[in-house]
């Protein structure tokens, strides 16, 4: 399970400086290309949405299941697996009747501070964001994530309650925007 919180920001350099001052360590910089696949009739049958993702990150490739079965804002059931061949994974999803929902291009700086992963993201056509994820597997409390945003002087009204995919689907006015809820 993954719990995260994100906020839109205008001043990533100032935020990055504060993160470092709080003791966060840079884990790396990366470009991620995420291709998402889904199927509307299957969403209707199951009663919840899910996405299959093929991520390319440098030489690394992954497939990920992200399910919104729990219907909680910002909470996804998630399973990820490293793969060798992203083209075959895409053909497999398409052979199962899944269609490409959207492709997301993201530039990310990732930091670690205690039990938090902090990402500064730039998404083409959306802008800059901070995303904070708890690494704790039990007793996850979203208030811990909100408290961290306050330490960075990011007001609560900048919190985005949608995922990047949902924001892009809404912006692009696709039919999937009615079904992808997180």
N, C-alpha and C. Protein backbone atom coordinates (compact mmCIF):
# COMPACT_ATOMS: atom_id res chain seq x y z
N UNK A 1 0.84 -1.17 0.00
CA UNK A 1 0.00 0.00 0.00
C UNK A 1 0.89 1.24 0.00
N UNK A 2 0.42 2.25 -0.67
CA UNK A 2 1.18 3.49 -0.80
C UNK A 2 0.30 4.62 -0.30
N UNK A 3 0.85 5.46 0.57
CA UNK A 3 0.14 6.67 0.97
C UNK A 3 1.06 7.85 0.73
N UNK A 4 0.51 8.84 0.06
CA UNK A 4 1.31 9.98 -0.31
C UNK A 4 0.44 11.23 -0.30
N UNK A 5 1.12 12.36 -0.34
CA UNK A 5 0.45 13.65 -0.42
C UNK A 5 1.28 14.49 -1.38
N UNK A 6 0.60 15.32 -2.15
CA UNK A 6 1.33 16.17 -3.09
C UNK A 6 0.75 17.56 -3.08
N UNK A 7 1.60 18.51 -3.43
CA UNK A 7 1.19 19.90 -3.52
C UNK A 7 1.84 20.53 -4.73
N UNK A 8 1.12 21.44 -5.35
CA UNK A 8 1.70 22.19 -6.46
C UNK A 8 2.56 23.31 -5.86
N UNK A 9 3.72 23.51 -6.45
CA UNK A 9 4.64 24.52 -5.93
C UNK A 9 5.10 25.42 -7.08
N UNK A 10 5.56 26.61 -6.72
CA UNK A 10 6.08 27.56 -7.71
C UNK A 10 7.57 27.79 -7.53
N UNK A 11 8.10 27.36 -6.39
CA UNK A 11 9.47 27.71 -6.01
C UNK A 11 10.25 26.47 -5.60
N UNK A 12 10.49 25.58 -6.54
CA UNK A 12 11.14 24.31 -6.19
C UNK A 12 12.54 24.51 -5.62
N UNK A 13 13.25 25.54 -6.04
CA UNK A 13 14.60 25.76 -5.52
C UNK A 13 14.56 26.14 -4.04
N UNK A 14 13.61 26.99 -3.64
CA UNK A 14 13.46 27.35 -2.22
C UNK A 14 13.06 26.13 -1.39
N UNK A 15 12.14 25.34 -1.91
CA UNK A 15 11.68 24.14 -1.21
C UNK A 15 12.84 23.16 -1.07
N UNK A 16 13.59 22.98 -2.14
CA UNK A 16 14.73 22.06 -2.10
C UNK A 16 15.73 22.49 -1.04
N UNK A 17 15.99 23.77 -0.94
CA UNK A 17 16.92 24.28 0.07
C UNK A 17 16.42 23.94 1.48
N UNK A 18 15.12 24.11 1.74
CA UNK A 18 14.54 23.80 3.05
C UNK A 18 14.63 22.31 3.36
N UNK A 19 14.36 21.49 2.35
CA UNK A 19 14.43 20.04 2.54
C UNK A 19 15.83 19.63 2.98
N UNK A 20 16.82 20.19 2.32
CA UNK A 20 18.21 19.88 2.64
C UNK A 20 18.56 20.39 4.04
N UNK A 21 18.09 21.59 4.39
CA UNK A 21 18.33 22.15 5.73
C UNK A 21 17.73 21.27 6.82
N UNK A 22 16.62 20.58 6.52
CA UNK A 22 15.99 19.68 7.49
C UNK A 22 16.74 18.35 7.61
N UNK A 23 17.73 18.13 6.75
CA UNK A 23 18.56 16.93 6.85
C UNK A 23 18.28 15.86 5.81
N UNK A 24 17.44 16.16 4.83
CA UNK A 24 17.14 15.17 3.80
C UNK A 24 18.37 14.93 2.92
N UNK A 25 18.51 13.70 2.49
CA UNK A 25 19.63 13.30 1.63
C UNK A 25 19.11 13.02 0.22
N UNK A 26 19.81 13.56 -0.76
CA UNK A 26 19.46 13.34 -2.16
C UNK A 26 19.72 11.89 -2.53
N UNK A 27 18.69 11.21 -3.02
CA UNK A 27 18.84 9.83 -3.48
C UNK A 27 19.18 9.77 -4.97
N UNK A 28 18.71 10.78 -5.70
CA UNK A 28 19.02 10.79 -7.12
C UNK A 28 18.10 11.69 -7.91
N UNK A 29 18.49 11.86 -9.16
CA UNK A 29 17.70 12.60 -10.14
C UNK A 29 17.38 11.63 -11.26
N UNK A 30 16.17 11.73 -11.79
CA UNK A 30 15.81 10.80 -12.85
C UNK A 30 14.71 11.36 -13.74
N UNK A 31 14.67 10.81 -14.93
CA UNK A 31 13.57 11.07 -15.84
C UNK A 31 12.76 9.79 -15.90
N UNK A 32 11.46 9.92 -15.70
CA UNK A 32 10.57 8.76 -15.75
C UNK A 32 9.57 8.96 -16.88
N UNK A 33 9.41 7.94 -17.68
CA UNK A 33 8.36 7.93 -18.69
C UNK A 33 7.40 6.82 -18.29
N UNK A 34 6.19 7.20 -17.95
CA UNK A 34 5.17 6.26 -17.49
C UNK A 34 4.06 6.14 -18.52
N UNK A 35 3.81 4.92 -18.95
CA UNK A 35 2.70 4.64 -19.86
C UNK A 35 1.65 3.87 -19.06
N UNK A 36 0.44 4.43 -19.00
CA UNK A 36 -0.64 3.85 -18.20
C UNK A 36 -1.67 3.19 -19.11
N UNK A 37 -2.16 2.03 -18.65
CA UNK A 37 -3.13 1.25 -19.41
C UNK A 37 -4.32 0.91 -18.52
N UNK A 38 -5.52 0.90 -19.11
CA UNK A 38 -6.72 0.56 -18.36
C UNK A 38 -7.82 0.13 -19.31
N UNK A 39 -9.01 -0.13 -18.73
CA UNK A 39 -10.15 -0.59 -19.53
C UNK A 39 -11.43 -0.21 -18.81
N UNK A 40 -12.21 0.67 -19.40
CA UNK A 40 -13.40 1.23 -18.76
C UNK A 40 -14.43 0.17 -18.41
N UNK A 41 -14.71 -0.77 -19.30
CA UNK A 41 -15.73 -1.79 -18.99
C UNK A 41 -15.31 -2.66 -17.81
N UNK A 42 -14.02 -2.89 -17.67
CA UNK A 42 -13.53 -3.65 -16.53
C UNK A 42 -13.69 -2.84 -15.24
N UNK A 43 -13.48 -1.55 -15.30
CA UNK A 43 -13.71 -0.69 -14.13
C UNK A 43 -15.17 -0.80 -13.69
N UNK A 44 -16.07 -0.76 -14.66
CA UNK A 44 -17.51 -0.86 -14.35
C UNK A 44 -17.83 -2.20 -13.70
N UNK A 45 -17.26 -3.26 -14.23
CA UNK A 45 -17.51 -4.60 -13.70
C UNK A 45 -16.95 -4.76 -12.28
N UNK A 46 -15.73 -4.27 -12.05
CA UNK A 46 -15.09 -4.41 -10.75
C UNK A 46 -15.63 -3.44 -9.71
N UNK A 47 -16.09 -2.27 -10.16
CA UNK A 47 -16.58 -1.25 -9.22
C UNK A 47 -15.48 -0.33 -8.71
N UNK A 48 -14.30 -0.41 -9.28
CA UNK A 48 -13.19 0.49 -8.93
C UNK A 48 -12.24 0.56 -10.12
N UNK A 49 -11.41 1.59 -10.10
CA UNK A 49 -10.45 1.74 -11.19
C UNK A 49 -9.10 1.17 -10.79
N UNK A 50 -8.31 0.87 -11.79
CA UNK A 50 -6.93 0.44 -11.61
C UNK A 50 -6.17 0.88 -12.84
N UNK A 51 -4.88 0.91 -12.72
CA UNK A 51 -4.02 1.21 -13.86
C UNK A 51 -2.86 0.24 -13.86
N UNK A 52 -2.48 -0.17 -15.03
CA UNK A 52 -1.24 -0.90 -15.22
C UNK A 52 -0.26 0.11 -15.80
N UNK A 53 0.92 0.17 -15.21
CA UNK A 53 1.90 1.16 -15.65
C UNK A 53 3.16 0.46 -16.14
N UNK A 54 3.69 0.96 -17.24
CA UNK A 54 5.02 0.57 -17.70
C UNK A 54 5.89 1.80 -17.50
N UNK A 55 6.89 1.68 -16.64
CA UNK A 55 7.78 2.81 -16.34
C UNK A 55 9.15 2.53 -16.93
N UNK A 56 9.68 3.53 -17.63
CA UNK A 56 11.06 3.50 -18.11
C UNK A 56 11.80 4.60 -17.37
N UNK A 57 12.88 4.19 -16.72
CA UNK A 57 13.68 5.09 -15.90
C UNK A 57 15.15 4.79 -16.20
N UNK A 58 15.69 5.49 -17.20
CA UNK A 58 17.04 5.15 -17.65
C UNK A 58 17.02 3.77 -18.27
N UNK A 59 17.92 2.90 -17.79
CA UNK A 59 17.97 1.53 -18.29
C UNK A 59 17.00 0.60 -17.57
N UNK A 60 16.38 1.08 -16.49
CA UNK A 60 15.47 0.25 -15.71
C UNK A 60 14.06 0.35 -16.25
N UNK A 61 13.34 -0.78 -16.16
CA UNK A 61 11.96 -0.85 -16.62
C UNK A 61 11.15 -1.62 -15.58
N UNK A 62 9.91 -1.18 -15.38
CA UNK A 62 9.04 -1.79 -14.38
C UNK A 62 7.62 -1.86 -14.91
N UNK A 63 6.88 -2.87 -14.44
CA UNK A 63 5.42 -2.84 -14.58
C UNK A 63 4.86 -2.72 -13.18
N UNK A 64 3.77 -1.97 -13.08
CA UNK A 64 3.16 -1.71 -11.79
C UNK A 64 1.65 -1.79 -11.91
N UNK A 65 1.03 -2.46 -10.95
CA UNK A 65 -0.42 -2.43 -10.79
C UNK A 65 -0.72 -1.39 -9.73
N UNK A 66 -1.62 -0.46 -10.03
CA UNK A 66 -2.07 0.55 -9.07
C UNK A 66 -3.59 0.46 -9.02
N UNK A 67 -4.12 0.00 -7.91
CA UNK A 67 -5.56 -0.17 -7.78
C UNK A 67 -6.17 0.76 -6.75
N UNK A 68 -7.31 1.33 -7.09
CA UNK A 68 -8.02 2.26 -6.21
C UNK A 68 -9.17 1.57 -5.50
N UNK A 69 -9.02 0.29 -5.24
CA UNK A 69 -10.08 -0.51 -4.64
C UNK A 69 -10.51 0.04 -3.28
N UNK A 70 -9.59 0.59 -2.50
CA UNK A 70 -9.91 1.08 -1.17
C UNK A 70 -10.71 2.37 -1.18
N UNK A 71 -10.73 3.08 -2.33
CA UNK A 71 -11.49 4.31 -2.50
C UNK A 71 -11.16 5.37 -1.46
N UNK A 72 -9.89 5.47 -1.08
CA UNK A 72 -9.43 6.51 -0.17
C UNK A 72 -8.52 7.44 -0.94
N UNK A 73 -8.71 8.73 -0.73
CA UNK A 73 -7.93 9.73 -1.44
C UNK A 73 -6.44 9.53 -1.20
N UNK A 74 -5.68 9.40 -2.28
CA UNK A 74 -4.23 9.29 -2.18
C UNK A 74 -3.72 7.94 -1.74
N UNK A 75 -4.59 6.93 -1.65
CA UNK A 75 -4.17 5.60 -1.22
C UNK A 75 -4.40 4.62 -2.37
N UNK A 76 -3.32 4.01 -2.80
CA UNK A 76 -3.37 3.02 -3.88
C UNK A 76 -2.82 1.70 -3.37
N UNK A 77 -3.44 0.63 -3.77
CA UNK A 77 -2.83 -0.68 -3.62
C UNK A 77 -1.84 -0.79 -4.77
N UNK A 78 -0.60 -1.20 -4.47
CA UNK A 78 0.42 -1.13 -5.51
C UNK A 78 1.32 -2.35 -5.46
N UNK A 79 1.59 -2.91 -6.65
CA UNK A 79 2.53 -4.02 -6.81
C UNK A 79 3.43 -3.69 -7.98
N UNK A 80 4.75 -3.86 -7.80
CA UNK A 80 5.68 -3.49 -8.86
C UNK A 80 6.67 -4.62 -9.11
N UNK A 81 7.06 -4.75 -10.37
CA UNK A 81 7.96 -5.81 -10.78
C UNK A 81 8.92 -5.27 -11.84
N UNK A 82 10.22 -5.51 -11.66
CA UNK A 82 11.21 -5.13 -12.66
C UNK A 82 11.06 -6.04 -13.87
N UNK A 83 11.21 -5.47 -15.06
CA UNK A 83 11.11 -6.25 -16.29
C UNK A 83 12.30 -5.92 -17.19
N UNK A 84 12.50 -6.75 -18.19
CA UNK A 84 13.59 -6.53 -19.14
C UNK A 84 13.12 -5.81 -20.40
N UNK A 85 11.86 -6.02 -20.78
CA UNK A 85 11.40 -5.57 -22.08
C UNK A 85 10.06 -4.85 -21.96
N UNK A 86 10.09 -3.53 -22.02
CA UNK A 86 8.86 -2.76 -21.86
C UNK A 86 7.94 -2.91 -23.07
N UNK A 87 8.51 -3.09 -24.27
CA UNK A 87 7.68 -3.24 -25.46
C UNK A 87 6.81 -4.49 -25.37
N UNK A 88 7.38 -5.58 -24.86
CA UNK A 88 6.58 -6.80 -24.70
C UNK A 88 5.49 -6.62 -23.65
N UNK A 89 5.80 -5.90 -22.58
CA UNK A 89 4.79 -5.65 -21.54
C UNK A 89 3.63 -4.86 -22.13
N UNK A 90 3.94 -3.85 -22.94
CA UNK A 90 2.89 -3.04 -23.57
C UNK A 90 2.05 -3.90 -24.51
N UNK A 91 2.69 -4.74 -25.31
CA UNK A 91 1.95 -5.63 -26.22
C UNK A 91 1.07 -6.60 -25.43
N UNK A 92 1.58 -7.07 -24.30
CA UNK A 92 0.80 -7.98 -23.45
C UNK A 92 -0.46 -7.27 -22.92
N UNK A 93 -0.31 -6.04 -22.40
CA UNK A 93 -1.46 -5.29 -21.90
C UNK A 93 -2.48 -5.06 -23.01
N UNK A 94 -2.00 -4.70 -24.18
CA UNK A 94 -2.91 -4.45 -25.31
C UNK A 94 -3.59 -5.74 -25.75
N UNK A 95 -2.90 -6.87 -25.71
CA UNK A 95 -3.49 -8.16 -26.07
C UNK A 95 -4.58 -8.56 -25.08
N UNK A 96 -4.48 -8.07 -23.83
CA UNK A 96 -5.51 -8.35 -22.82
C UNK A 96 -6.69 -7.40 -22.92
N UNK A 97 -6.64 -6.48 -23.87
CA UNK A 97 -7.75 -5.55 -24.05
C UNK A 97 -7.59 -4.23 -23.33
N UNK A 98 -6.43 -4.01 -22.71
CA UNK A 98 -6.19 -2.73 -22.05
C UNK A 98 -5.74 -1.72 -23.10
N UNK A 99 -6.19 -0.49 -22.94
CA UNK A 99 -5.75 0.54 -23.88
C UNK A 99 -4.88 1.55 -23.17
N UNK A 100 -4.02 2.20 -23.96
CA UNK A 100 -3.14 3.22 -23.40
C UNK A 100 -4.02 4.40 -22.97
N UNK A 101 -3.94 4.72 -21.69
CA UNK A 101 -4.74 5.79 -21.11
C UNK A 101 -4.01 7.12 -21.27
N UNK A 102 -2.73 7.12 -20.94
CA UNK A 102 -1.95 8.36 -21.00
C UNK A 102 -0.47 8.03 -20.85
N UNK A 103 0.37 8.93 -21.34
CA UNK A 103 1.81 8.83 -21.16
C UNK A 103 2.24 10.07 -20.38
N UNK A 104 3.01 9.85 -19.31
CA UNK A 104 3.44 10.94 -18.43
C UNK A 104 4.96 11.04 -18.48
N UNK A 105 5.46 12.24 -18.74
CA UNK A 105 6.90 12.51 -18.72
C UNK A 105 7.19 13.32 -17.46
N UNK A 106 8.03 12.75 -16.60
CA UNK A 106 8.29 13.37 -15.30
C UNK A 106 9.79 13.43 -15.05
N UNK A 107 10.23 14.60 -14.55
CA UNK A 107 11.61 14.78 -14.11
C UNK A 107 11.57 14.88 -12.59
N UNK A 108 12.34 14.07 -11.91
CA UNK A 108 12.21 13.92 -10.46
C UNK A 108 13.55 14.01 -9.76
N UNK A 109 13.55 14.77 -8.63
CA UNK A 109 14.65 14.73 -7.66
C UNK A 109 14.07 14.08 -6.42
N UNK A 110 14.73 13.02 -5.95
CA UNK A 110 14.19 12.24 -4.84
C UNK A 110 15.10 12.35 -3.62
N UNK A 111 14.48 12.63 -2.48
CA UNK A 111 15.19 12.77 -1.20
C UNK A 111 14.62 11.80 -0.19
N UNK A 112 15.41 11.51 0.84
CA UNK A 112 14.97 10.66 1.95
C UNK A 112 15.25 11.39 3.25
N UNK A 113 14.26 11.41 4.12
CA UNK A 113 14.40 11.97 5.46
C UNK A 113 13.62 11.08 6.42
N UNK A 114 14.34 10.37 7.27
CA UNK A 114 13.72 9.42 8.21
C UNK A 114 12.83 8.45 7.44
N UNK A 115 11.53 8.42 7.76
CA UNK A 115 10.60 7.49 7.11
C UNK A 115 9.86 8.12 5.94
N UNK A 116 10.40 9.21 5.40
CA UNK A 116 9.72 9.90 4.31
C UNK A 116 10.58 9.89 3.05
N UNK A 117 9.92 9.71 1.92
CA UNK A 117 10.52 9.95 0.62
C UNK A 117 9.91 11.25 0.12
N UNK A 118 10.76 12.18 -0.27
CA UNK A 118 10.32 13.49 -0.72
C UNK A 118 10.77 13.64 -2.17
N UNK A 119 9.83 13.92 -3.05
CA UNK A 119 10.15 14.06 -4.46
C UNK A 119 9.76 15.45 -4.94
N UNK A 120 10.68 16.07 -5.64
CA UNK A 120 10.40 17.32 -6.35
C UNK A 120 10.24 16.94 -7.81
N UNK A 121 9.04 17.15 -8.33
CA UNK A 121 8.69 16.68 -9.66
C UNK A 121 8.39 17.85 -10.59
N UNK A 122 8.81 17.69 -11.83
CA UNK A 122 8.38 18.59 -12.90
C UNK A 122 7.73 17.72 -13.95
N UNK A 123 6.47 18.01 -14.25
CA UNK A 123 5.73 17.26 -15.26
C UNK A 123 5.45 18.17 -16.44
N UNK A 124 5.75 17.65 -17.62
CA UNK A 124 5.45 18.40 -18.82
C UNK A 124 3.96 18.69 -18.85
N UNK A 125 3.61 19.90 -19.12
CA UNK A 125 2.24 20.42 -19.25
C UNK A 125 1.47 20.54 -17.93
N UNK A 126 2.10 20.21 -16.79
CA UNK A 126 1.42 20.39 -15.50
C UNK A 126 2.16 21.33 -14.57
N UNK A 127 3.48 21.31 -14.58
CA UNK A 127 4.25 22.20 -13.71
C UNK A 127 5.04 21.46 -12.65
N UNK A 128 5.28 22.16 -11.53
CA UNK A 128 6.14 21.64 -10.46
C UNK A 128 5.30 21.24 -9.25
N UNK A 129 5.75 20.15 -8.62
CA UNK A 129 5.04 19.58 -7.48
C UNK A 129 6.04 19.05 -6.47
N UNK A 130 5.58 18.92 -5.24
CA UNK A 130 6.29 18.14 -4.23
C UNK A 130 5.38 16.97 -3.88
N UNK A 131 5.97 15.80 -3.77
CA UNK A 131 5.22 14.60 -3.39
C UNK A 131 5.95 13.97 -2.22
N UNK A 132 5.21 13.70 -1.15
CA UNK A 132 5.80 13.10 0.04
C UNK A 132 5.10 11.78 0.30
N UNK A 133 5.90 10.74 0.50
CA UNK A 133 5.37 9.40 0.72
C UNK A 133 5.94 8.85 2.01
N UNK A 134 5.08 8.21 2.79
CA UNK A 134 5.52 7.55 4.02
C UNK A 134 6.03 6.17 3.68
N UNK A 135 7.15 5.80 4.29
CA UNK A 135 7.71 4.47 4.09
C UNK A 135 7.20 3.48 5.13
N UNK A 136 6.45 3.96 6.11
CA UNK A 136 5.92 3.08 7.14
C UNK A 136 4.87 2.16 6.53
N UNK A 137 4.89 0.93 6.93
CA UNK A 137 3.95 -0.05 6.38
C UNK A 137 2.69 -0.19 7.22
N UNK A 138 2.73 0.24 8.47
CA UNK A 138 1.53 0.17 9.31
C UNK A 138 1.39 1.49 10.06
N UNK A 139 0.22 1.74 10.57
CA UNK A 139 -0.07 2.97 11.31
C UNK A 139 0.28 4.22 10.50
N UNK A 140 -0.09 4.18 9.23
CA UNK A 140 0.19 5.32 8.36
C UNK A 140 -0.80 6.44 8.68
N UNK A 141 -0.27 7.62 8.93
CA UNK A 141 -1.10 8.77 9.27
C UNK A 141 -0.79 9.90 8.31
N UNK A 142 -1.78 10.32 7.53
CA UNK A 142 -1.57 11.38 6.54
C UNK A 142 -1.21 12.71 7.19
N UNK A 143 -1.55 12.89 8.47
CA UNK A 143 -1.21 14.14 9.16
C UNK A 143 0.30 14.34 9.28
N UNK A 144 1.06 13.24 9.36
CA UNK A 144 2.52 13.34 9.39
C UNK A 144 3.01 14.00 8.10
N UNK A 145 2.39 13.63 6.99
CA UNK A 145 2.78 14.19 5.70
C UNK A 145 2.39 15.66 5.62
N UNK A 146 1.20 16.00 6.12
CA UNK A 146 0.76 17.40 6.14
C UNK A 146 1.66 18.25 7.04
N UNK A 147 2.06 17.68 8.18
CA UNK A 147 2.97 18.40 9.08
C UNK A 147 4.29 18.72 8.40
N UNK A 148 4.77 17.79 7.60
CA UNK A 148 6.03 18.03 6.90
C UNK A 148 5.87 19.17 5.89
N UNK A 149 4.73 19.21 5.20
CA UNK A 149 4.48 20.32 4.28
C UNK A 149 4.51 21.66 5.02
N UNK A 150 3.94 21.68 6.23
CA UNK A 150 3.94 22.92 7.02
C UNK A 150 5.36 23.36 7.36
N UNK A 151 6.25 22.40 7.64
CA UNK A 151 7.65 22.73 7.91
C UNK A 151 8.31 23.40 6.71
N UNK A 152 7.79 23.12 5.54
CA UNK A 152 8.33 23.70 4.31
C UNK A 152 7.59 24.98 3.92
N UNK A 153 6.70 25.43 4.79
CA UNK A 153 5.88 26.63 4.53
C UNK A 153 4.99 26.48 3.30
N UNK A 154 4.51 25.27 3.08
CA UNK A 154 3.57 25.02 1.98
C UNK A 154 2.18 24.95 2.61
N UNK A 155 1.32 25.93 2.29
CA UNK A 155 0.00 25.95 2.91
C UNK A 155 -0.87 24.78 2.47
N UNK A 156 -1.78 24.40 3.34
CA UNK A 156 -2.64 23.25 3.08
C UNK A 156 -3.48 23.44 1.81
N UNK A 157 -3.79 24.69 1.46
CA UNK A 157 -4.61 24.90 0.26
C UNK A 157 -3.85 24.62 -1.05
N UNK A 158 -2.55 24.35 -0.96
CA UNK A 158 -1.78 23.96 -2.14
C UNK A 158 -1.75 22.44 -2.33
N UNK A 159 -2.32 21.71 -1.36
CA UNK A 159 -2.37 20.25 -1.49
C UNK A 159 -3.28 19.88 -2.64
N UNK A 160 -2.79 18.98 -3.46
CA UNK A 160 -3.54 18.48 -4.61
C UNK A 160 -4.10 17.12 -4.21
N UNK A 161 -5.41 16.97 -4.36
CA UNK A 161 -6.06 15.73 -3.93
C UNK A 161 -6.23 14.75 -5.08
N UNK A 162 -5.62 15.05 -6.20
CA UNK A 162 -5.67 14.14 -7.34
C UNK A 162 -4.25 13.70 -7.66
N UNK A 163 -4.14 12.54 -8.26
CA UNK A 163 -2.85 12.09 -8.74
C UNK A 163 -2.51 12.78 -10.05
N UNK A 164 -1.27 12.66 -10.45
CA UNK A 164 -0.83 13.28 -11.70
C UNK A 164 -1.66 12.77 -12.88
N UNK A 165 -1.91 11.47 -12.89
CA UNK A 165 -2.67 10.89 -14.00
C UNK A 165 -4.06 11.51 -14.07
N UNK A 166 -4.73 11.62 -12.94
CA UNK A 166 -6.07 12.19 -12.91
C UNK A 166 -6.05 13.64 -13.39
N UNK A 167 -5.05 14.40 -12.94
CA UNK A 167 -4.95 15.79 -13.37
C UNK A 167 -4.76 15.89 -14.88
N UNK A 168 -3.88 15.05 -15.43
CA UNK A 168 -3.63 15.08 -16.87
C UNK A 168 -4.85 14.62 -17.66
N UNK A 169 -5.54 13.59 -17.16
CA UNK A 169 -6.74 13.12 -17.85
C UNK A 169 -7.81 14.20 -17.87
N UNK A 170 -7.98 14.90 -16.75
CA UNK A 170 -8.96 15.99 -16.69
C UNK A 170 -8.56 17.13 -17.62
N UNK A 171 -7.29 17.48 -17.60
CA UNK A 171 -6.80 18.56 -18.46
C UNK A 171 -7.01 18.23 -19.93
N UNK A 172 -6.77 16.96 -20.29
CA UNK A 172 -6.90 16.53 -21.68
C UNK A 172 -8.33 16.14 -22.04
N UNK A 173 -9.24 16.16 -21.04
CA UNK A 173 -10.67 15.86 -21.25
C UNK A 173 -10.89 14.49 -21.92
N UNK A 174 -10.23 13.46 -21.39
CA UNK A 174 -10.40 12.11 -21.94
C UNK A 174 -11.56 11.41 -21.24
N UNK A 175 -12.09 10.37 -21.86
CA UNK A 175 -13.19 9.62 -21.27
C UNK A 175 -12.76 8.92 -19.98
N UNK A 176 -11.47 8.63 -19.83
CA UNK A 176 -10.98 7.96 -18.64
C UNK A 176 -11.07 8.85 -17.41
N UNK A 177 -11.17 10.16 -17.59
CA UNK A 177 -11.20 11.08 -16.44
C UNK A 177 -12.41 10.84 -15.54
N UNK A 178 -13.45 10.19 -16.05
CA UNK A 178 -14.62 9.87 -15.21
C UNK A 178 -14.39 8.63 -14.34
N UNK A 179 -13.38 7.82 -14.68
CA UNK A 179 -13.20 6.53 -14.03
C UNK A 179 -11.98 6.45 -13.14
N UNK A 180 -10.93 7.18 -13.45
CA UNK A 180 -9.71 7.16 -12.64
C UNK A 180 -9.92 8.15 -11.53
N UNK A 181 -9.99 7.68 -10.28
CA UNK A 181 -10.44 8.54 -9.19
C UNK A 181 -9.34 9.08 -8.32
N UNK A 182 -8.14 8.54 -8.36
CA UNK A 182 -7.09 9.05 -7.45
C UNK A 182 -6.04 9.82 -8.19
